[in-house]
Amino acid sequence: MKHGETMKKRDAFIILLLAASVYLTAYTVSAHMVASRIIEMNGKPYWRNAPAGSLWPWPNKKDVIGSPVLIKLNETDSFIYNYLIKTYLLSIICALLWFLAIILIYKIAKSAKSTLSR
């Protein structure tokens, strides 16, 4: 494989990594905001009022003031809430993606600097 092809693949990977980091950061912030409207009773999560919100595919909660009724989360939302939000796993994955992106960009910048100084 030629050096130029390697650089193109590396650059494409970094762009993809940065895009994933930005998307996951926005999703994480939004999911935590929406999850603040979830209440737990008897160890099960419920939406505080109607209409029910959603954590998938993009977190949303209607700002309509509905009746104060407990609505059980569906299986997907319950999984996201219990295993990704409550455990902070989503935030940890987000931080790890940013850490990886920063390390890769730093290495590329360092190698580019040493190449230019030759």
PDB file of N, CA and C in Angstrom:
ATOM      1  N   MET A   1       0.846  -1.171   0.000  1.00  0.00           N
ATOM      2  CA  MET A   1       0.000   0.000   0.000  1.00  0.00           C
ATOM      3  C   MET A   1       0.896   1.240   0.000  1.00  0.00           C
ATOM      4  N   LYS A   2       0.522   2.244  -0.760  1.00  0.00           N
ATOM      5  CA  LYS A   2       1.305   3.461  -0.875  1.00  0.00           C
ATOM      6  C   LYS A   2       1.079   4.355   0.335  1.00  0.00           C
ATOM      7  N   HIS A   3       2.054   5.234   0.556  1.00  0.00           N
ATOM      8  CA  HIS A   3       1.987   6.155   1.694  1.00  0.00           C
ATOM      9  C   HIS A   3       0.755   7.063   1.594  1.00  0.00           C
ATOM     10  N   GLY A   4       0.440   7.543   0.397  1.00  0.00           N
ATOM     11  CA  GLY A   4      -0.721   8.414   0.194  1.00  0.00           C
ATOM     12  C   GLY A   4      -2.031   7.724   0.524  1.00  0.00           C
ATOM     13  N   GLU A   5      -2.154   6.450   0.159  1.00  0.00           N
ATOM     14  CA  GLU A   5      -3.366   5.689   0.463  1.00  0.00           C
ATOM     15  C   GLU A   5      -3.518   5.503   1.968  1.00  0.00           C
ATOM     16  N   THR A   6      -2.400   5.241   2.645  1.00  0.00           N
ATOM     17  CA  THR A   6      -2.426   5.074   4.097  1.00  0.00           C
ATOM     18  C   THR A   6      -2.885   6.367   4.757  1.00  0.00           C
ATOM     19  N   MET A   7      -2.371   7.500   4.279  1.00  0.00           N
ATOM     20  CA  MET A   7      -2.759   8.787   4.851  1.00  0.00           C
ATOM     21  C   MET A   7      -4.239   9.072   4.618  1.00  0.00           C
ATOM     22  N   LYS A   8      -4.753   8.720   3.447  1.00  0.00           N
ATOM     23  CA  LYS A   8      -6.170   8.943   3.158  1.00  0.00           C
ATOM     24  C   LYS A   8      -7.049   8.092   4.073  1.00  0.00           C
ATOM     25  N   LYS A   9      -6.668   6.837   4.268  1.00  0.00           N
ATOM     26  CA  LYS A   9      -7.439   5.962   5.157  1.00  0.00           C
ATOM     27  C   LYS A   9      -7.385   6.467   6.586  1.00  0.00           C
ATOM     28  N   ARG A  10      -6.194   6.899   7.013  1.00  0.00           N
ATOM     29  CA  ARG A  10      -6.033   7.419   8.374  1.00  0.00           C
ATOM     30  C   ARG A  10      -6.871   8.677   8.551  1.00  0.00           C
ATOM     31  N   ASP A  11      -6.818   9.576   7.575  1.00  0.00           N
ATOM     32  CA  ASP A  11      -7.591  10.810   7.655  1.00  0.00           C
ATOM     33  C   ASP A  11      -9.090  10.523   7.670  1.00  0.00           C
ATOM     34  N   ALA A  12      -9.522   9.569   6.849  1.00  0.00           N
ATOM     35  CA  ALA A  12     -10.938   9.194   6.822  1.00  0.00           C
ATOM     36  C   ALA A  12     -11.354   8.602   8.166  1.00  0.00           C
ATOM     37  N   PHE A  13     -10.470   7.801   8.761  1.00  0.00           N
ATOM     38  CA  PHE A  13     -10.771   7.213  10.069  1.00  0.00           C
ATOM     39  C   PHE A  13     -10.909   8.306  11.133  1.00  0.00           C
ATOM     40  N   ILE A  14     -10.014   9.279  11.111  1.00  0.00           N
ATOM     41  CA  ILE A  14     -10.073  10.357  12.107  1.00  0.00           C
ATOM     42  C   ILE A  14     -11.331  11.202  11.915  1.00  0.00           C
ATOM     43  N   ILE A  15     -11.688  11.478  10.675  1.00  0.00           N
ATOM     44  CA  ILE A  15     -12.915  12.239  10.418  1.00  0.00           C
ATOM     45  C   ILE A  15     -14.126  11.458  10.915  1.00  0.00           C
ATOM     46  N   LEU A  16     -14.155  10.166  10.657  1.00  0.00           N
ATOM     47  CA  LEU A  16     -15.244   9.316  11.139  1.00  0.00           C
ATOM     48  C   LEU A  16     -15.271   9.282  12.672  1.00  0.00           C
ATOM     49  N   LEU A  17     -14.110   9.173  13.288  1.00  0.00           N
ATOM     50  CA  LEU A  17     -14.010   9.154  14.748  1.00  0.00           C
ATOM     51  C   LEU A  17     -14.499  10.472  15.348  1.00  0.00           C
ATOM     52  N   LEU A  18     -14.115  11.588  14.738  1.00  0.00           N
ATOM     53  CA  LEU A  18     -14.576  12.893  15.227  1.00  0.00           C
ATOM     54  C   LEU A  18     -16.084  13.054  15.049  1.00  0.00           C
ATOM     55  N   ALA A  19     -16.600  12.600  13.916  1.00  0.00           N
ATOM     56  CA  ALA A  19     -18.049  12.675  13.676  1.00  0.00           C
ATOM     57  C   ALA A  19     -18.802  11.823  14.699  1.00  0.00           C
ATOM     58  N   ALA A  20     -18.295  10.623  14.969  1.00  0.00           N
ATOM     59  CA  ALA A  20     -18.930   9.747  15.965  1.00  0.00           C
ATOM     60  C   ALA A  20     -18.857  10.376  17.351  1.00  0.00           C
ATOM     61  N   SER A  21     -17.749  11.014  17.664  1.00  0.00           N
ATOM     62  CA  SER A  21     -17.589  11.663  18.974  1.00  0.00           C
ATOM     63  C   SER A  21     -18.570  12.814  19.147  1.00  0.00           C
ATOM     64  N   VAL A  22     -18.704  13.633  18.112  1.00  0.00           N
ATOM     65  CA  VAL A  22     -19.636  14.766  18.178  1.00  0.00           C
ATOM     66  C   VAL A  22     -21.076  14.257  18.306  1.00  0.00           C
ATOM     67  N   TYR A  23     -21.433  13.281  17.478  1.00  0.00           N
ATOM     68  CA  TYR A  23     -22.790  12.723  17.517  1.00  0.00           C
ATOM     69  C   TYR A  23     -23.085  12.113  18.883  1.00  0.00           C
ATOM     70  N   LEU A  24     -22.157  11.294  19.394  1.00  0.00           N
ATOM     71  CA  LEU A  24     -22.388  10.630  20.679  1.00  0.00           C
ATOM     72  C   LEU A  24     -22.442  11.636  21.819  1.00  0.00           C
ATOM     73  N   THR A  25     -21.659  12.701  21.736  1.00  0.00           N
ATOM     74  CA  THR A  25     -21.712  13.740  22.763  1.00  0.00           C
ATOM     75  C   THR A  25     -23.078  14.409  22.763  1.00  0.00           C
ATOM     76  N   ALA A  26     -23.560  14.771  21.589  1.00  0.00           N
ATOM     77  CA  ALA A  26     -24.883  15.400  21.493  1.00  0.00           C
ATOM     78  C   ALA A  26     -25.970  14.444  21.982  1.00  0.00           C
ATOM     79  N   TYR A  27     -25.866  13.168  21.594  1.00  0.00           N
ATOM     80  CA  TYR A  27     -26.850  12.168  22.038  1.00  0.00           C
ATOM     81  C   TYR A  27     -26.803  12.028  23.562  1.00  0.00           C
ATOM     82  N   THR A  28     -25.608  11.963  24.131  1.00  0.00           N
ATOM     83  CA  THR A  28     -25.446  11.771  25.577  1.00  0.00           C
ATOM     84  C   THR A  28     -26.055  12.931  26.356  1.00  0.00           C
ATOM     85  N   VAL A  29     -25.756  14.149  25.940  1.00  0.00           N
ATOM     86  CA  VAL A  29     -26.313  15.327  26.619  1.00  0.00           C
ATOM     87  C   VAL A  29     -27.832  15.312  26.529  1.00  0.00           C
ATOM     88  N   SER A  30     -28.347  15.057  25.338  1.00  0.00           N
ATOM     89  CA  SER A  30     -29.793  15.019  25.135  1.00  0.00           C
ATOM     90  C   SER A  30     -30.437  13.891  25.944  1.00  0.00           C
ATOM     91  N   ALA A  31     -29.811  12.719  25.948  1.00  0.00           N
ATOM     92  CA  ALA A  31     -30.359  11.571  26.684  1.00  0.00           C
ATOM     93  C   ALA A  31     -30.410  11.854  28.187  1.00  0.00           C
ATOM     94  N   HIS A  32     -29.375  12.490  28.720  1.00  0.00           N
ATOM     95  CA  HIS A  32     -29.383  12.812  30.153  1.00  0.00           C
ATOM     96  C   HIS A  32     -30.451  13.852  30.484  1.00  0.00           C
ATOM     97  N   MET A  33     -30.666  14.801  29.586  1.00  0.00           N
ATOM     98  CA  MET A  33     -31.714  15.798  29.813  1.00  0.00           C
ATOM     99  C   MET A  33     -33.093  15.136  29.803  1.00  0.00           C
ATOM    100  N   VAL A  34     -33.324  14.266  28.834  1.00  0.00           N
ATOM    101  CA  VAL A  34     -34.614  13.584  28.742  1.00  0.00           C
ATOM    102  C   VAL A  34     -34.784  12.606  29.904  1.00  0.00           C
ATOM    103  N   ALA A  35     -33.705  11.926  30.287  1.00  0.00           N
ATOM    104  CA  ALA A  35     -33.776  10.953  31.381  1.00  0.00           C
ATOM    105  C   ALA A  35     -34.085  11.609  32.718  1.00  0.00           C
ATOM    106  N   SER A  36     -33.862  12.912  32.817  1.00  0.00           N
ATOM    107  CA  SER A  36     -34.201  13.599  34.070  1.00  0.00           C
ATOM    108  C   SER A  36     -35.712  13.612  34.305  1.00  0.00           C
ATOM    109  N   ARG A  37     -36.470  13.262  33.283  1.00  0.00           N
ATOM    110  CA  ARG A  37     -37.933  13.205  33.404  1.00  0.00           C
ATOM    111  C   ARG A  37     -38.430  11.785  33.692  1.00  0.00           C
ATOM    112  N   ILE A  38     -37.495  10.910  34.017  1.00  0.00           N
ATOM    113  CA  ILE A  38     -37.851   9.522  34.352  1.00  0.00           C
ATOM    114  C   ILE A  38     -37.807   9.384  35.866  1.00  0.00           C
ATOM    115  N   ILE A  39     -38.757   8.662  36.395  1.00  0.00           N
ATOM    116  CA  ILE A  39     -38.815   8.386  37.820  1.00  0.00           C
ATOM    117  C   ILE A  39     -38.810   6.875  38.009  1.00  0.00           C
ATOM    118  N   GLU A  40     -38.227   6.412  39.088  1.00  0.00           N
ATOM    119  CA  GLU A  40     -38.215   4.972  39.369  1.00  0.00           C
ATOM    120  C   GLU A  40     -39.138   4.670  40.535  1.00  0.00           C
ATOM    121  N   MET A  41     -39.935   3.627  40.344  1.00  0.00           N
ATOM    122  CA  MET A  41     -40.809   3.134  41.415  1.00  0.00           C
ATOM    123  C   MET A  41     -40.693   1.623  41.438  1.00  0.00           C
ATOM    124  N   ASN A  42     -40.434   1.084  42.599  1.00  0.00           N
ATOM    125  CA  ASN A  42     -40.257  -0.358  42.768  1.00  0.00           C
ATOM    126  C   ASN A  42     -39.178  -0.895  41.832  1.00  0.00           C
ATOM    127  N   GLY A  43     -38.141  -0.114  41.608  1.00  0.00           N
ATOM    128  CA  GLY A  43     -37.022  -0.535  40.776  1.00  0.00           C
ATOM    129  C   GLY A  43     -37.281  -0.502  39.279  1.00  0.00           C
ATOM    130  N   LYS A  44     -38.419   0.060  38.856  1.00  0.00           N
ATOM    131  CA  LYS A  44     -38.748   0.129  37.427  1.00  0.00           C
ATOM    132  C   LYS A  44     -38.874   1.582  36.996  1.00  0.00           C
ATOM    133  N   PRO A  45     -38.331   1.902  35.803  1.00  0.00           N
ATOM    134  CA  PRO A  45     -38.389   3.292  35.333  1.00  0.00           C
ATOM    135  C   PRO A  45     -39.717   3.620  34.641  1.00  0.00           C
ATOM    136  N   TYR A  46     -40.186   4.835  34.894  1.00  0.00           N
ATOM    137  CA  TYR A  46     -41.433   5.334  34.307  1.00  0.00           C
ATOM    138  C   TYR A  46     -41.238   6.775  33.858  1.00  0.00           C
ATOM    139  N   TRP A  47     -41.956   7.147  32.797  1.00  0.00           N
ATOM    140  CA  TRP A  47     -42.039   8.561  32.437  1.00  0.00           C
ATOM    141  C   TRP A  47     -42.951   9.203  33.460  1.00  0.00           C
ATOM    142  N   ARG A  48     -42.625  10.408  33.896  1.00  0.00           N
ATOM    143  CA  ARG A  48     -43.398  11.081  34.939  1.00  0.00           C
ATOM    144  C   ARG A  48     -44.805  11.473  34.499  1.00  0.00           C
ATOM    145  N   ASN A  49     -44.958  11.810  33.222  1.00  0.00           N
ATOM    146  CA  ASN A  49     -46.281  12.222  32.757  1.00  0.00           C
ATOM    147  C   ASN A  49     -46.452  11.925  31.274  1.00  0.00           C
ATOM    148  N   ALA A  50     -47.694  12.027  30.839  1.00  0.00           N
ATOM    149  CA  ALA A  50     -48.017  11.782  29.434  1.00  0.00           C
ATOM    150  C   ALA A  50     -47.846  13.083  28.671  1.00  0.00           C
ATOM    151  N   PRO A  51     -47.505  13.039  27.409  1.00  0.00           N
ATOM    152  CA  PRO A  51     -47.169  11.875  26.599  1.00  0.00           C
ATOM    153  C   PRO A  51     -45.766  11.360  26.929  1.00  0.00           C
ATOM    154  N   ALA A  52     -45.569  10.076  26.701  1.00  0.00           N
ATOM    155  CA  ALA A  52     -44.286   9.441  27.004  1.00  0.00           C
ATOM    156  C   ALA A  52     -43.192   9.980  26.090  1.00  0.00           C
ATOM    157  N   GLY A  53     -41.987  10.000  26.610  1.00  0.00           N
ATOM    158  CA  GLY A  53     -40.838  10.424  25.812  1.00  0.00           C
ATOM    159  C   GLY A  53     -40.198   9.224  25.148  1.00  0.00           C
ATOM    160  N   SER A  54     -38.989   9.424  24.659  1.00  0.00           N
ATOM    161  CA  SER A  54     -38.257   8.344  24.016  1.00  0.00           C
ATOM    162  C   SER A  54     -36.764   8.618  24.110  1.00  0.00           C
ATOM    163  N   LEU A  55     -35.979   7.561  24.250  1.00  0.00           N
ATOM    164  CA  LEU A  55     -34.527   7.679  24.259  1.00  0.00           C
ATOM    165  C   LEU A  55     -33.906   7.148  22.966  1.00  0.00           C
ATOM    166  N   TRP A  56     -34.746   6.567  22.089  1.00  0.00           N
ATOM    167  CA  TRP A  56     -34.229   6.002  20.841  1.00  0.00           C
ATOM    168  C   TRP A  56     -35.172   6.329  19.702  1.00  0.00           C
ATOM    169  N   PRO A  57     -34.732   6.653  18.523  1.00  0.00           N
ATOM    170  CA  PRO A  57     -33.363   6.757  18.051  1.00  0.00           C
ATOM    171  C   PRO A  57     -32.683   8.052  18.490  1.00  0.00           C
ATOM    172  N   TRP A  58     -33.472   9.084  18.793  1.00  0.00           N
ATOM    173  CA  TRP A  58     -32.907  10.312  19.347  1.00  0.00           C
ATOM    174  C   TRP A  58     -33.766  10.697  20.546  1.00  0.00           C
ATOM    175  N   PRO A  59     -33.141  11.043  21.660  1.00  0.00           N
ATOM    176  CA  PRO A  59     -33.908  11.369  22.859  1.00  0.00           C
ATOM    177  C   PRO A  59     -34.854  12.552  22.634  1.00  0.00           C
ATOM    178  N   ASN A  60     -36.101  12.370  23.013  1.00  0.00           N
ATOM    179  CA  ASN A  60     -37.032  13.489  22.954  1.00  0.00           C
ATOM    180  C   ASN A  60     -38.101  13.322  24.016  1.00  0.00           C
ATOM    181  N   LYS A  61     -38.541  14.425  24.490  1.00  0.00           N
ATOM    182  CA  LYS A  61     -39.644  14.453  25.448  1.00  0.00           C
ATOM    183  C   LYS A  61     -40.467  15.665  25.087  1.00  0.00           C
ATOM    184  N   LYS A  62     -41.692  15.425  24.769  1.00  0.00           N
ATOM    185  CA  LYS A  62     -42.570  16.524  24.395  1.00  0.00           C
ATOM    186  C   LYS A  62     -42.654  17.499  25.573  1.00  0.00           C
ATOM    187  N   ASP A  63     -42.561  18.793  25.274  1.00  0.00           N
ATOM    188  CA  ASP A  63     -42.645  19.801  26.331  1.00  0.00           C
ATOM    189  C   ASP A  63     -44.087  20.148  26.671  1.00  0.00           C
ATOM    190  N   VAL A  64     -44.986  19.374  26.111  1.00  0.00           N
ATOM    191  CA  VAL A  64     -46.395  19.566  26.431  1.00  0.00           C
ATOM    192  C   VAL A  64     -46.615  19.107  27.864  1.00  0.00           C
ATOM    193  N   ILE A  65     -47.293  19.924  28.621  1.00  0.00           N
ATOM    194  CA  ILE A  65     -47.581  19.518  29.996  1.00  0.00           C
ATOM    195  C   ILE A  65     -48.784  18.585  29.943  1.00  0.00           C
ATOM    196  N   GLY A  66     -48.515  17.337  30.227  1.00  0.00           N
ATOM    197  CA  GLY A  66     -49.576  16.335  30.169  1.00  0.00           C
ATOM    198  C   GLY A  66     -50.024  15.931  31.557  1.00  0.00           C
ATOM    199  N   SER A  67     -50.899  14.976  31.582  1.00  0.00           N
ATOM    200  CA  SER A  67     -51.404  14.508  32.864  1.00  0.00           C
ATOM    201  C   SER A  67     -50.300  13.812  33.654  1.00  0.00           C
ATOM    202  N   PRO A  68     -50.308  13.995  34.963  1.00  0.00           N
ATOM    203  CA  PRO A  68     -49.297  13.341  35.802  1.00  0.00           C
ATOM    204  C   PRO A  68     -49.605  11.849  35.958  1.00  0.00           C
ATOM    205  N   VAL A  69     -49.259  11.105  34.931  1.00  0.00           N
ATOM    206  CA  VAL A  69     -49.510   9.669  34.899  1.00  0.00           C
ATOM    207  C   VAL A  69     -48.170   8.977  34.698  1.00  0.00           C
ATOM    208  N   LEU A  70     -47.952   7.877  35.402  1.00  0.00           N
ATOM    209  CA  LEU A  70     -46.722   7.120  35.214  1.00  0.00           C
ATOM    210  C   LEU A  70     -46.883   6.205  34.006  1.00  0.00           C
ATOM    211  N   ILE A  71     -45.929   6.306  33.084  1.00  0.00           N
ATOM    212  CA  ILE A  71     -45.955   5.480  31.877  1.00  0.00           C
ATOM    213  C   ILE A  71     -44.668   4.671  31.851  1.00  0.00           C
ATOM    214  N   LYS A  72     -44.808   3.362  31.817  1.00  0.00           N
ATOM    215  CA  LYS A  72     -43.642   2.479  31.825  1.00  0.00           C
ATOM    216  C   LYS A  72     -42.823   2.669  30.542  1.00  0.00           C
ATOM    217  N   LEU A  73     -41.499   2.684  30.688  1.00  0.00           N
ATOM    218  CA  LEU A  73     -40.622   2.796  29.528  1.00  0.00           C
ATOM    219  C   LEU A  73     -40.703   1.519  28.702  1.00  0.00           C
ATOM    220  N   ASN A  74     -40.574   1.651  27.381  1.00  0.00           N
ATOM    221  CA  ASN A  74     -40.545   0.449  26.548  1.00  0.00           C
ATOM    222  C   ASN A  74     -39.190  -0.251  26.756  1.00  0.00           C
ATOM    223  N   GLU A  75     -39.037  -1.422  26.186  1.00  0.00           N
ATOM    224  CA  GLU A  75     -37.827  -2.225  26.428  1.00  0.00           C
ATOM    225  C   GLU A  75     -36.548  -1.518  25.989  1.00  0.00           C
ATOM    226  N   THR A  76     -36.582  -0.882  24.837  1.00  0.00           N
ATOM    227  CA  THR A  76     -35.394  -0.195  24.333  1.00  0.00           C
ATOM    228  C   THR A  76     -35.011   0.964  25.242  1.00  0.00           C
ATOM    229  N   ASP A  77     -35.977   1.807  25.575  1.00  0.00           N
ATOM    230  CA  ASP A  77     -35.706   2.941  26.457  1.00  0.00           C
ATOM    231  C   ASP A  77     -35.267   2.479  27.842  1.00  0.00           C
ATOM    232  N   SER A  78     -35.878   1.417  28.315  1.00  0.00           N
ATOM    233  CA  SER A  78     -35.512   0.870  29.623  1.00  0.00           C
ATOM    234  C   SER A  78     -34.065   0.377  29.622  1.00  0.00           C
ATOM    235  N   PHE A  79     -33.650  -0.295  28.540  1.00  0.00           N
ATOM    236  CA  PHE A  79     -32.270  -0.762  28.420  1.00  0.00           C
ATOM    237  C   PHE A  79     -31.301   0.422  28.417  1.00  0.00           C
ATOM    238  N   ILE A  80     -31.604   1.423  27.592  1.00  0.00           N
ATOM    239  CA  ILE A  80     -30.732   2.600  27.498  1.00  0.00           C
ATOM    240  C   ILE A  80     -30.634   3.287  28.857  1.00  0.00           C
ATOM    241  N   TYR A  81     -31.769   3.460  29.514  1.00  0.00           N
ATOM    242  CA  TYR A  81     -31.777   4.138  30.811  1.00  0.00           C
ATOM    243  C   TYR A  81     -31.006   3.341  31.867  1.00  0.00           C
ATOM    244  N   ASN A  82     -31.319   2.047  31.988  1.00  0.00           N
ATOM    245  CA  ASN A  82     -30.714   1.233  33.055  1.00  0.00           C
ATOM    246  C   ASN A  82     -29.241   0.925  32.836  1.00  0.00           C
ATOM    247  N   TYR A  83     -28.850   0.625  31.604  1.00  0.00           N
ATOM    248  CA  TYR A  83     -27.492   0.141  31.365  1.00  0.00           C
ATOM    249  C   TYR A  83     -26.540   1.173  30.768  1.00  0.00           C
ATOM    250  N   LEU A  84     -27.066   2.222  30.149  1.00  0.00           N
ATOM    251  CA  LEU A  84     -26.176   3.212  29.548  1.00  0.00           C
ATOM    252  C   LEU A  84     -26.184   4.554  30.283  1.00  0.00           C
ATOM    253  N   ILE A  85     -27.339   4.968  30.786  1.00  0.00           N
ATOM    254  CA  ILE A  85     -27.423   6.269  31.443  1.00  0.00           C
ATOM    255  C   ILE A  85     -27.154   6.162  32.944  1.00  0.00           C
ATOM    256  N   LYS A  86     -27.867   5.295  33.627  1.00  0.00           N
ATOM    257  CA  LYS A  86     -27.688   5.177  35.081  1.00  0.00           C
ATOM    258  C   LYS A  86     -26.273   4.759  35.470  1.00  0.00           C
ATOM    259  N   THR A  87     -25.648   3.923  34.666  1.00  0.00           N
ATOM    260  CA  THR A  87     -24.291   3.451  34.975  1.00  0.00           C
ATOM    261  C   THR A  87     -23.216   4.405  34.456  1.00  0.00           C
ATOM    262  N   TYR A  88     -23.627   5.445  33.750  1.00  0.00           N
ATOM    263  CA  TYR A  88     -22.720   6.413  33.110  1.00  0.00           C
ATOM    264  C   TYR A  88     -21.858   5.774  32.024  1.00  0.00           C
ATOM    265  N   LEU A  89     -22.225   4.592  31.554  1.00  0.00           N
ATOM    266  CA  LEU A  89     -21.473   3.921  30.499  1.00  0.00           C
ATOM    267  C   LEU A  89     -21.474   4.752  29.215  1.00  0.00           C
ATOM    268  N   LEU A  90     -22.599   5.379  28.908  1.00  0.00           N
ATOM    269  CA  LEU A  90     -22.687   6.226  27.719  1.00  0.00           C
ATOM    270  C   LEU A  90     -21.695   7.385  27.816  1.00  0.00           C
ATOM    271  N   SER A  91     -21.605   8.008  28.967  1.00  0.00           N
ATOM    272  CA  SER A  91     -20.664   9.115  29.174  1.00  0.00           C
ATOM    273  C   SER A  91     -19.218   8.636  29.101  1.00  0.00           C
ATOM    274  N   ILE A  92     -18.961   7.460  29.645  1.00  0.00           N
ATOM    275  CA  ILE A  92     -17.604   6.896  29.617  1.00  0.00           C
ATOM    276  C   ILE A  92     -17.188   6.586  28.182  1.00  0.00           C
ATOM    277  N   ILE A  93     -18.089   5.975  27.402  1.00  0.00           N
ATOM    278  CA  ILE A  93     -17.794   5.673  25.997  1.00  0.00           C
ATOM    279  C   ILE A  93     -17.531   6.970  25.235  1.00  0.00           C
ATOM    280  N   CYS A  94     -18.325   7.974  25.505  1.00  0.00           N
ATOM    281  CA  CYS A  94     -18.160   9.275  24.864  1.00  0.00           C
ATOM    282  C   CYS A  94     -16.779   9.857  25.199  1.00  0.00           C
ATOM    283  N   ALA A  95     -16.400   9.823  26.459  1.00  0.00           N
ATOM    284  CA  ALA A  95     -15.089  10.340  26.871  1.00  0.00           C
ATOM    285  C   ALA A  95     -13.950   9.543  26.241  1.00  0.00           C
ATOM    286  N   LEU A  96     -14.110   8.233  26.158  1.00  0.00           N
ATOM    287  CA  LEU A  96     -13.073   7.396  25.545  1.00  0.00           C
ATOM    288  C   LEU A  96     -12.911   7.694  24.054  1.00  0.00           C
ATOM    289  N   LEU A  97     -14.015   7.930  23.364  1.00  0.00           N
ATOM    290  CA  LEU A  97     -13.935   8.297  21.944  1.00  0.00           C
ATOM    291  C   LEU A  97     -13.168   9.611  21.769  1.00  0.00           C
ATOM    292  N   TRP A  98     -13.476  10.606  22.605  1.00  0.00           N
ATOM    293  CA  TRP A  98     -12.762  11.876  22.524  1.00  0.00           C
ATOM    294  C   TRP A  98     -11.284  11.693  22.866  1.00  0.00           C
ATOM    295  N   PHE A  99     -11.001  10.890  23.873  1.00  0.00           N
ATOM    296  CA  PHE A  99      -9.611  10.633  24.262  1.00  0.00           C
ATOM    297  C   PHE A  99      -8.851   9.999  23.093  1.00  0.00           C
ATOM    298  N   LEU A 100      -9.440   9.009  22.466  1.00  0.00           N
ATOM    299  CA  LEU A 100      -8.812   8.347  21.318  1.00  0.00           C
ATOM    300  C   LEU A 100      -8.591   9.334  20.166  1.00  0.00           C
ATOM    301  N   ALA A 101      -9.590  10.149  19.891  1.00  0.00           N
ATOM    302  CA  ALA A 101      -9.469  11.135  18.813  1.00  0.00           C
ATOM    303  C   ALA A 101      -8.335  12.124  19.104  1.00  0.00           C
ATOM    304  N   ILE A 102      -8.259  12.601  20.332  1.00  0.00           N
ATOM    305  CA  ILE A 102      -7.208  13.558  20.699  1.00  0.00           C
ATOM    306  C   ILE A 102      -5.830  12.919  20.589  1.00  0.00           C
ATOM    307  N   ILE A 103      -5.695  11.688  21.067  1.00  0.00           N
ATOM    308  CA  ILE A 103      -4.405  10.990  20.985  1.00  0.00           C
ATOM    309  C   ILE A 103      -3.986  10.811  19.528  1.00  0.00           C
ATOM    310  N   LEU A 104      -4.903  10.379  18.677  1.00  0.00           N
ATOM    311  CA  LEU A 104      -4.574  10.175  17.257  1.00  0.00           C
ATOM    312  C   LEU A 104      -4.194  11.485  16.570  1.00  0.00           C
ATOM    313  N   ILE A 105      -4.939  12.532  16.850  1.00  0.00           N
ATOM    314  CA  ILE A 105      -4.627  13.826  16.241  1.00  0.00           C
ATOM    315  C   ILE A 105      -3.271  14.327  16.747  1.00  0.00           C
ATOM    316  N   TYR A 106      -3.002  14.132  18.020  1.00  0.00           N
ATOM    317  CA  TYR A 106      -1.707  14.534  18.586  1.00  0.00           C
ATOM    318  C   TYR A 106      -0.561  13.782  17.901  1.00  0.00           C
ATOM    319  N   LYS A 107      -0.723  12.474  17.727  1.00  0.00           N
ATOM    320  CA  LYS A 107       0.324  11.674  17.067  1.00  0.00           C
ATOM    321  C   LYS A 107       0.540  12.123  15.626  1.00  0.00           C
ATOM    322  N   ILE A 108      -0.534  12.411  14.926  1.00  0.00           N
ATOM    323  CA  ILE A 108      -0.421  12.869  13.536  1.00  0.00           C
ATOM    324  C   ILE A 108       0.282  14.229  13.487  1.00  0.00           C
ATOM    325  N   ALA A 109      -0.116  15.125  14.388  1.00  0.00           N
ATOM    326  CA  ALA A 109       0.509  16.448  14.417  1.00  0.00           C
ATOM    327  C   ALA A 109       1.986  16.337  14.765  1.00  0.00           C
ATOM    328  N   LYS A 110       2.314  15.453  15.687  1.00  0.00           N
ATOM    329  CA  LYS A 110       3.706  15.262  16.093  1.00  0.00           C
ATOM    330  C   LYS A 110       4.536  14.699  14.936  1.00  0.00           C
ATOM    331  N   SER A 111       3.983  13.716  14.222  1.00  0.00           N
ATOM    332  CA  SER A 111       4.724  13.132  13.098  1.00  0.00           C
ATOM    333  C   SER A 111       4.833  14.125  11.940  1.00  0.00           C
ATOM    334  N   ALA A 112       3.813  14.943  11.737  1.00  0.00           N
ATOM    335  CA  ALA A 112       3.860  15.955  10.683  1.00  0.00           C
ATOM    336  C   ALA A 112       4.904  17.013  11.017  1.00  0.00           C
ATOM    337  N   LYS A 113       4.995  17.374  12.275  1.00  0.00           N
ATOM    338  CA  LYS A 113       5.973  18.368  12.707  1.00  0.00           C
ATOM    339  C   LYS A 113       7.393  17.843  12.500  1.00  0.00           C
ATOM    340  N   SER A 114       7.605  16.567  12.868  1.00  0.00           N
ATOM    341  CA  SER A 114       8.955  15.992  12.703  1.00  0.00           C
ATOM    342  C   SER A 114       9.288  15.819  11.227  1.00  0.00           C
ATOM    343  N   THR A 115       8.297  15.556  10.380  1.00  0.00           N
ATOM    344  CA  THR A 115       8.510  15.426   8.942  1.00  0.00           C
ATOM    345  C   THR A 115       8.882  16.784   8.340  1.00  0.00           C
ATOM    346  N   LEU A 116       8.214  17.835   8.796  1.00  0.00           N
ATOM    347  CA  LEU A 116       8.484  19.173   8.286  1.00  0.00           C
ATOM    348  C   LEU A 116       9.845  19.689   8.724  1.00  0.00           C
ATOM    349  N   SER A 117      10.323  19.285   9.892  1.00  0.00           N
ATOM    350  CA  SER A 117      11.585  19.804  10.398  1.00  0.00           C
ATOM    351  C   SER A 117      12.795  19.087   9.801  1.00  0.00           C
ATOM    352  N   ARG A 118      12.573  18.063   9.007  1.00  0.00           N
ATOM    353  CA  ARG A 118      13.684  17.324   8.382  1.00  0.00           C
ATOM    354  C   ARG A 118      14.315  18.106   7.283  1.00  0.00           C
TER     355      ARG A 118
END
